């Protein structure tokens, strides 16, 4: 299991930006896939973006061109830069890590609220 701690959520106006951080308890070189999911009130949890250990990325259609996932290997941290935020981006954002042979780990989440 990987311990994950998210930070960076908060209240932002439409069109604004936030950067979420997720600190992992082990070297992210040893993690096969790290990603961000979100869950809005009354909705199912959905994938926002992920990045593989090889650096490949993938994004939900709803965030393409606005969100960017990246890593800082020295800090064992994955980031989600969110620009041009919309009210429909309001959700609890969860960090996720997958290690082949070990399984999937989740953080406790950080709340992002986009409202004027």
N, C-alpha and C. Protein backbone atom coordinates (compact mmCIF):
# COMPACT_ATOMS: atom_id res chain seq x y z
N UNK A 1 0.83 -1.20 0.00
CA UNK A 1 0.00 0.00 0.00
C UNK A 1 0.87 1.26 0.00
N UNK A 2 0.32 2.29 -0.61
CA UNK A 2 0.99 3.59 -0.68
C UNK A 2 0.14 4.59 0.09
N UNK A 3 0.76 5.34 0.98
CA UNK A 3 0.03 6.40 1.68
C UNK A 3 0.08 7.65 0.80
N UNK A 4 -1.08 8.27 0.63
CA UNK A 4 -1.21 9.43 -0.25
C UNK A 4 -1.87 10.57 0.52
N UNK A 5 -1.31 11.76 0.44
CA UNK A 5 -1.87 12.92 1.12
C UNK A 5 -2.05 14.05 0.11
N UNK A 6 -3.31 14.43 -0.10
CA UNK A 6 -3.63 15.51 -1.04
C UNK A 6 -3.66 16.86 -0.34
N UNK A 7 -3.41 17.89 -1.11
CA UNK A 7 -3.54 19.26 -0.61
C UNK A 7 -3.78 20.19 -1.79
N UNK A 8 -4.19 21.41 -1.48
CA UNK A 8 -4.33 22.43 -2.52
C UNK A 8 -5.74 22.77 -2.92
N UNK A 9 -6.72 22.07 -2.37
CA UNK A 9 -8.09 22.39 -2.71
C UNK A 9 -8.53 23.71 -2.08
N UNK A 10 -9.70 24.17 -2.49
CA UNK A 10 -10.23 25.41 -1.94
C UNK A 10 -11.33 25.98 -2.78
N UNK A 11 -11.67 27.20 -2.49
CA UNK A 11 -12.73 27.93 -3.22
C UNK A 11 -12.08 28.84 -4.26
N UNK A 12 -12.57 28.76 -5.47
CA UNK A 12 -12.02 29.59 -6.55
C UNK A 12 -13.17 30.05 -7.44
N UNK A 13 -13.02 31.21 -8.03
CA UNK A 13 -14.05 31.73 -8.93
C UNK A 13 -13.94 31.07 -10.30
N UNK A 14 -15.03 31.01 -11.03
CA UNK A 14 -14.97 30.48 -12.41
C UNK A 14 -13.90 31.21 -13.22
N UNK A 15 -13.15 30.44 -13.98
CA UNK A 15 -12.05 30.99 -14.75
C UNK A 15 -10.73 31.00 -14.01
N UNK A 16 -10.76 30.72 -12.73
CA UNK A 16 -9.56 30.73 -11.91
C UNK A 16 -8.76 29.43 -12.02
N UNK A 17 -7.69 29.37 -11.24
CA UNK A 17 -6.78 28.22 -11.27
C UNK A 17 -6.49 27.72 -9.86
N UNK A 18 -6.18 26.44 -9.79
CA UNK A 18 -5.71 25.81 -8.56
C UNK A 18 -4.70 24.75 -8.94
N UNK A 19 -3.79 24.46 -8.03
CA UNK A 19 -2.89 23.34 -8.21
C UNK A 19 -3.02 22.40 -7.03
N UNK A 20 -3.41 21.17 -7.32
CA UNK A 20 -3.49 20.14 -6.31
C UNK A 20 -2.18 19.38 -6.24
N UNK A 21 -1.84 18.96 -5.03
CA UNK A 21 -0.63 18.17 -4.81
C UNK A 21 -1.00 16.86 -4.12
N UNK A 22 -0.24 15.83 -4.41
CA UNK A 22 -0.43 14.53 -3.78
C UNK A 22 0.95 13.98 -3.45
N UNK A 23 1.24 13.90 -2.16
CA UNK A 23 2.53 13.38 -1.71
C UNK A 23 2.40 11.89 -1.41
N UNK A 24 3.29 11.11 -1.98
CA UNK A 24 3.29 9.66 -1.79
C UNK A 24 4.33 9.26 -0.75
N UNK A 25 4.06 8.13 -0.11
CA UNK A 25 4.93 7.65 0.97
C UNK A 25 6.13 6.86 0.48
N UNK A 26 6.22 6.68 -0.83
CA UNK A 26 7.34 5.95 -1.40
C UNK A 26 7.71 6.60 -2.72
N UNK A 27 8.86 6.21 -3.23
CA UNK A 27 9.32 6.77 -4.48
C UNK A 27 8.31 6.50 -5.59
N UNK A 28 7.96 7.54 -6.33
CA UNK A 28 6.98 7.35 -7.41
C UNK A 28 7.58 6.58 -8.57
N UNK A 29 8.91 6.37 -8.55
CA UNK A 29 9.51 5.48 -9.55
C UNK A 29 9.00 4.06 -9.37
N UNK A 30 8.57 3.72 -8.15
CA UNK A 30 8.10 2.37 -7.86
C UNK A 30 6.59 2.23 -8.03
N UNK A 31 5.93 3.30 -8.46
CA UNK A 31 4.48 3.30 -8.64
C UNK A 31 4.19 3.27 -10.14
N UNK A 32 3.38 2.34 -10.57
CA UNK A 32 3.16 2.15 -12.00
C UNK A 32 2.27 3.23 -12.62
N UNK A 33 1.33 3.72 -11.83
CA UNK A 33 0.36 4.66 -12.36
C UNK A 33 -0.15 5.52 -11.23
N UNK A 34 -0.14 6.84 -11.43
CA UNK A 34 -0.73 7.74 -10.44
C UNK A 34 -1.75 8.61 -11.15
N UNK A 35 -2.84 8.86 -10.44
CA UNK A 35 -3.90 9.62 -11.09
C UNK A 35 -4.74 10.43 -10.13
N UNK A 36 -5.60 11.21 -10.72
CA UNK A 36 -6.57 12.01 -9.98
C UNK A 36 -7.97 11.62 -10.43
N UNK A 37 -8.82 11.41 -9.44
CA UNK A 37 -10.23 11.17 -9.67
C UNK A 37 -11.01 12.27 -8.96
N UNK A 38 -12.26 12.39 -9.30
CA UNK A 38 -13.10 13.34 -8.57
C UNK A 38 -14.51 12.79 -8.43
N UNK A 39 -15.17 13.27 -7.39
CA UNK A 39 -16.55 12.85 -7.14
C UNK A 39 -17.36 14.07 -6.74
N UNK A 40 -18.31 14.41 -7.59
CA UNK A 40 -19.22 15.52 -7.31
C UNK A 40 -20.41 15.01 -6.51
N UNK A 41 -21.09 15.88 -5.79
CA UNK A 41 -22.25 15.45 -5.00
C UNK A 41 -23.27 14.74 -5.87
N UNK A 42 -23.67 13.57 -5.40
CA UNK A 42 -24.69 12.81 -6.12
C UNK A 42 -24.22 12.09 -7.36
N UNK A 43 -22.92 12.13 -7.62
CA UNK A 43 -22.39 11.49 -8.82
C UNK A 43 -21.35 10.45 -8.45
N UNK A 44 -21.06 9.59 -9.42
CA UNK A 44 -20.04 8.58 -9.21
C UNK A 44 -18.64 9.18 -9.36
N UNK A 45 -17.69 8.51 -8.74
CA UNK A 45 -16.30 8.94 -8.88
C UNK A 45 -15.84 8.71 -10.32
N UNK A 46 -15.14 9.71 -10.86
CA UNK A 46 -14.70 9.60 -12.25
C UNK A 46 -13.22 9.94 -12.37
N UNK A 47 -12.59 9.35 -13.37
CA UNK A 47 -11.19 9.62 -13.64
C UNK A 47 -11.04 11.01 -14.24
N UNK A 48 -10.06 11.75 -13.72
CA UNK A 48 -9.75 13.06 -14.26
C UNK A 48 -8.50 12.98 -15.15
N UNK A 49 -7.44 12.40 -14.60
CA UNK A 49 -6.19 12.29 -15.35
C UNK A 49 -5.30 11.26 -14.69
N UNK A 50 -4.42 10.65 -15.48
CA UNK A 50 -3.41 9.80 -14.87
C UNK A 50 -2.10 9.93 -15.63
N UNK A 51 -1.03 9.51 -14.94
CA UNK A 51 0.29 9.52 -15.53
C UNK A 51 0.98 8.21 -15.16
N UNK A 52 1.64 7.60 -16.13
CA UNK A 52 2.31 6.34 -15.88
C UNK A 52 3.76 6.58 -15.46
N UNK A 53 4.39 5.51 -15.00
CA UNK A 53 5.79 5.64 -14.59
C UNK A 53 6.68 5.99 -15.78
N UNK A 54 6.20 5.72 -16.97
CA UNK A 54 6.95 6.08 -18.17
C UNK A 54 6.69 7.49 -18.65
N UNK A 55 5.76 8.18 -17.99
CA UNK A 55 5.48 9.56 -18.33
C UNK A 55 4.31 9.78 -19.27
N UNK A 56 3.64 8.72 -19.67
CA UNK A 56 2.45 8.88 -20.50
C UNK A 56 1.30 9.42 -19.68
N UNK A 57 0.52 10.29 -20.31
CA UNK A 57 -0.61 10.90 -19.61
C UNK A 57 -1.91 10.65 -20.36
N UNK A 58 -2.99 10.75 -19.61
CA UNK A 58 -4.32 10.61 -20.20
C UNK A 58 -5.28 11.49 -19.41
N UNK A 59 -6.23 12.10 -20.12
CA UNK A 59 -7.16 13.03 -19.49
C UNK A 59 -8.60 12.72 -19.88
N UNK A 60 -9.50 13.02 -18.97
CA UNK A 60 -10.92 12.98 -19.31
C UNK A 60 -11.20 14.06 -20.35
N UNK A 61 -12.12 13.81 -21.25
CA UNK A 61 -12.45 14.78 -22.28
C UNK A 61 -12.86 16.12 -21.68
N UNK A 62 -13.52 16.08 -20.55
CA UNK A 62 -14.05 17.30 -19.95
C UNK A 62 -12.97 18.24 -19.42
N UNK A 63 -11.74 17.74 -19.26
CA UNK A 63 -10.67 18.58 -18.70
C UNK A 63 -9.52 18.79 -19.67
N UNK A 64 -9.56 18.14 -20.83
CA UNK A 64 -8.48 18.29 -21.80
C UNK A 64 -8.29 19.76 -22.17
N UNK A 65 -7.02 20.17 -22.17
CA UNK A 65 -6.71 21.54 -22.52
C UNK A 65 -6.79 22.50 -21.34
N UNK A 66 -7.33 22.04 -20.23
CA UNK A 66 -7.45 22.91 -19.04
C UNK A 66 -6.62 22.39 -17.86
N UNK A 67 -6.54 21.07 -17.72
CA UNK A 67 -5.83 20.45 -16.60
C UNK A 67 -4.54 19.80 -17.10
N UNK A 68 -3.52 19.82 -16.24
CA UNK A 68 -2.25 19.17 -16.56
C UNK A 68 -1.77 18.38 -15.35
N UNK A 69 -1.45 17.11 -15.58
CA UNK A 69 -0.90 16.27 -14.52
C UNK A 69 0.61 16.18 -14.72
N UNK A 70 1.34 16.23 -13.59
CA UNK A 70 2.80 16.17 -13.67
C UNK A 70 3.33 15.59 -12.37
N UNK A 71 4.61 15.26 -12.38
CA UNK A 71 5.24 14.69 -11.19
C UNK A 71 6.54 15.42 -10.86
N UNK A 72 6.88 15.37 -9.57
CA UNK A 72 8.19 15.81 -9.10
C UNK A 72 8.80 14.60 -8.40
N UNK A 73 9.66 13.90 -9.11
CA UNK A 73 10.19 12.64 -8.59
C UNK A 73 10.99 12.84 -7.31
N UNK A 74 11.68 13.95 -7.20
CA UNK A 74 12.49 14.20 -6.01
C UNK A 74 11.63 14.37 -4.77
N UNK A 75 10.40 14.85 -4.97
CA UNK A 75 9.49 15.07 -3.84
C UNK A 75 8.43 13.98 -3.72
N UNK A 76 8.50 12.97 -4.59
CA UNK A 76 7.49 11.89 -4.57
C UNK A 76 6.08 12.47 -4.62
N UNK A 77 5.89 13.43 -5.48
CA UNK A 77 4.63 14.17 -5.52
C UNK A 77 4.09 14.24 -6.94
N UNK A 78 2.79 14.11 -7.04
CA UNK A 78 2.10 14.30 -8.32
C UNK A 78 1.20 15.53 -8.19
N UNK A 79 1.15 16.31 -9.25
CA UNK A 79 0.38 17.55 -9.24
C UNK A 79 -0.75 17.50 -10.26
N UNK A 80 -1.77 18.30 -10.00
CA UNK A 80 -2.81 18.52 -10.99
C UNK A 80 -3.01 20.02 -11.09
N UNK A 81 -2.50 20.61 -12.16
CA UNK A 81 -2.71 22.02 -12.42
C UNK A 81 -4.04 22.20 -13.13
N UNK A 82 -4.92 22.97 -12.53
CA UNK A 82 -6.26 23.15 -13.06
C UNK A 82 -6.46 24.61 -13.43
N UNK A 83 -6.66 24.87 -14.69
CA UNK A 83 -6.88 26.23 -15.19
C UNK A 83 -8.28 26.37 -15.76
N UNK A 84 -8.71 27.61 -15.90
CA UNK A 84 -10.04 27.90 -16.46
C UNK A 84 -11.10 27.03 -15.81
N UNK A 85 -11.13 27.05 -14.50
CA UNK A 85 -12.06 26.19 -13.76
C UNK A 85 -13.50 26.61 -13.99
N UNK A 86 -14.36 25.62 -13.99
CA UNK A 86 -15.78 25.81 -14.22
C UNK A 86 -16.57 25.30 -13.02
N UNK A 87 -17.78 25.79 -12.83
CA UNK A 87 -18.58 25.30 -11.70
C UNK A 87 -18.74 23.78 -11.72
N UNK A 88 -18.79 23.18 -12.89
CA UNK A 88 -18.95 21.73 -12.97
C UNK A 88 -17.69 20.96 -12.57
N UNK A 89 -16.59 21.67 -12.30
CA UNK A 89 -15.39 21.03 -11.79
C UNK A 89 -15.46 20.87 -10.26
N UNK A 90 -16.48 21.42 -9.66
CA UNK A 90 -16.64 21.31 -8.21
C UNK A 90 -16.80 19.84 -7.81
N UNK A 91 -15.94 19.39 -6.90
CA UNK A 91 -15.93 17.99 -6.49
C UNK A 91 -14.87 17.79 -5.42
N UNK A 92 -14.91 16.61 -4.82
CA UNK A 92 -13.78 16.17 -4.00
C UNK A 92 -12.82 15.44 -4.94
N UNK A 93 -11.59 15.85 -4.91
CA UNK A 93 -10.55 15.28 -5.78
C UNK A 93 -9.70 14.31 -4.97
N UNK A 94 -9.54 13.11 -5.53
CA UNK A 94 -8.82 12.04 -4.86
C UNK A 94 -7.58 11.66 -5.66
N UNK A 95 -6.50 11.46 -4.95
CA UNK A 95 -5.28 10.94 -5.56
C UNK A 95 -5.32 9.42 -5.51
N UNK A 96 -4.75 8.80 -6.52
CA UNK A 96 -4.80 7.35 -6.66
C UNK A 96 -3.43 6.85 -7.12
N UNK A 97 -3.03 5.70 -6.58
CA UNK A 97 -1.77 5.09 -7.01
C UNK A 97 -1.99 3.61 -7.24
N UNK A 98 -1.41 3.11 -8.30
CA UNK A 98 -1.50 1.69 -8.62
C UNK A 98 -0.09 1.11 -8.69
N UNK A 99 0.12 0.06 -7.92
CA UNK A 99 1.39 -0.67 -7.96
C UNK A 99 1.06 -2.10 -8.36
N UNK A 100 1.60 -2.52 -9.48
CA UNK A 100 1.33 -3.88 -9.96
C UNK A 100 1.78 -4.88 -8.92
N UNK A 101 0.86 -5.79 -8.59
CA UNK A 101 1.15 -6.82 -7.60
C UNK A 101 0.77 -6.41 -6.19
N UNK A 102 0.51 -5.13 -5.98
CA UNK A 102 0.14 -4.64 -4.65
C UNK A 102 -1.28 -4.13 -4.62
N UNK A 103 -1.68 -3.41 -5.66
CA UNK A 103 -3.04 -2.94 -5.72
C UNK A 103 -3.15 -1.44 -5.80
N UNK A 104 -4.34 -0.96 -5.50
CA UNK A 104 -4.67 0.46 -5.64
C UNK A 104 -4.78 1.11 -4.28
N UNK A 105 -4.25 2.33 -4.17
CA UNK A 105 -4.34 3.11 -2.94
C UNK A 105 -5.01 4.44 -3.23
N UNK A 106 -5.70 4.96 -2.21
CA UNK A 106 -6.42 6.24 -2.35
C UNK A 106 -6.01 7.19 -1.24
N UNK A 107 -6.00 8.48 -1.57
CA UNK A 107 -5.91 9.50 -0.56
C UNK A 107 -7.29 9.80 0.01
N UNK A 108 -7.34 10.71 0.98
CA UNK A 108 -8.62 11.02 1.62
C UNK A 108 -9.40 12.09 0.88
N UNK A 109 -8.77 12.74 -0.07
CA UNK A 109 -9.46 13.71 -0.90
C UNK A 109 -9.29 15.15 -0.45
N UNK A 110 -9.45 16.05 -1.41
CA UNK A 110 -9.41 17.48 -1.14
C UNK A 110 -10.54 18.14 -1.93
N UNK A 111 -11.25 19.04 -1.28
CA UNK A 111 -12.45 19.64 -1.88
C UNK A 111 -12.09 20.84 -2.74
N UNK A 112 -12.60 20.85 -3.95
CA UNK A 112 -12.47 21.99 -4.86
C UNK A 112 -13.87 22.53 -5.12
N UNK A 113 -14.05 23.81 -4.85
CA UNK A 113 -15.34 24.46 -5.08
C UNK A 113 -15.13 25.62 -6.03
N UNK A 114 -15.84 25.59 -7.14
CA UNK A 114 -15.74 26.66 -8.14
C UNK A 114 -17.07 27.41 -8.12
N UNK A 115 -17.01 28.63 -7.63
CA UNK A 115 -18.24 29.40 -7.46
C UNK A 115 -17.92 30.88 -7.39
N UNK A 116 -18.85 31.68 -7.88
CA UNK A 116 -18.69 33.13 -7.78
C UNK A 116 -19.39 33.65 -6.53
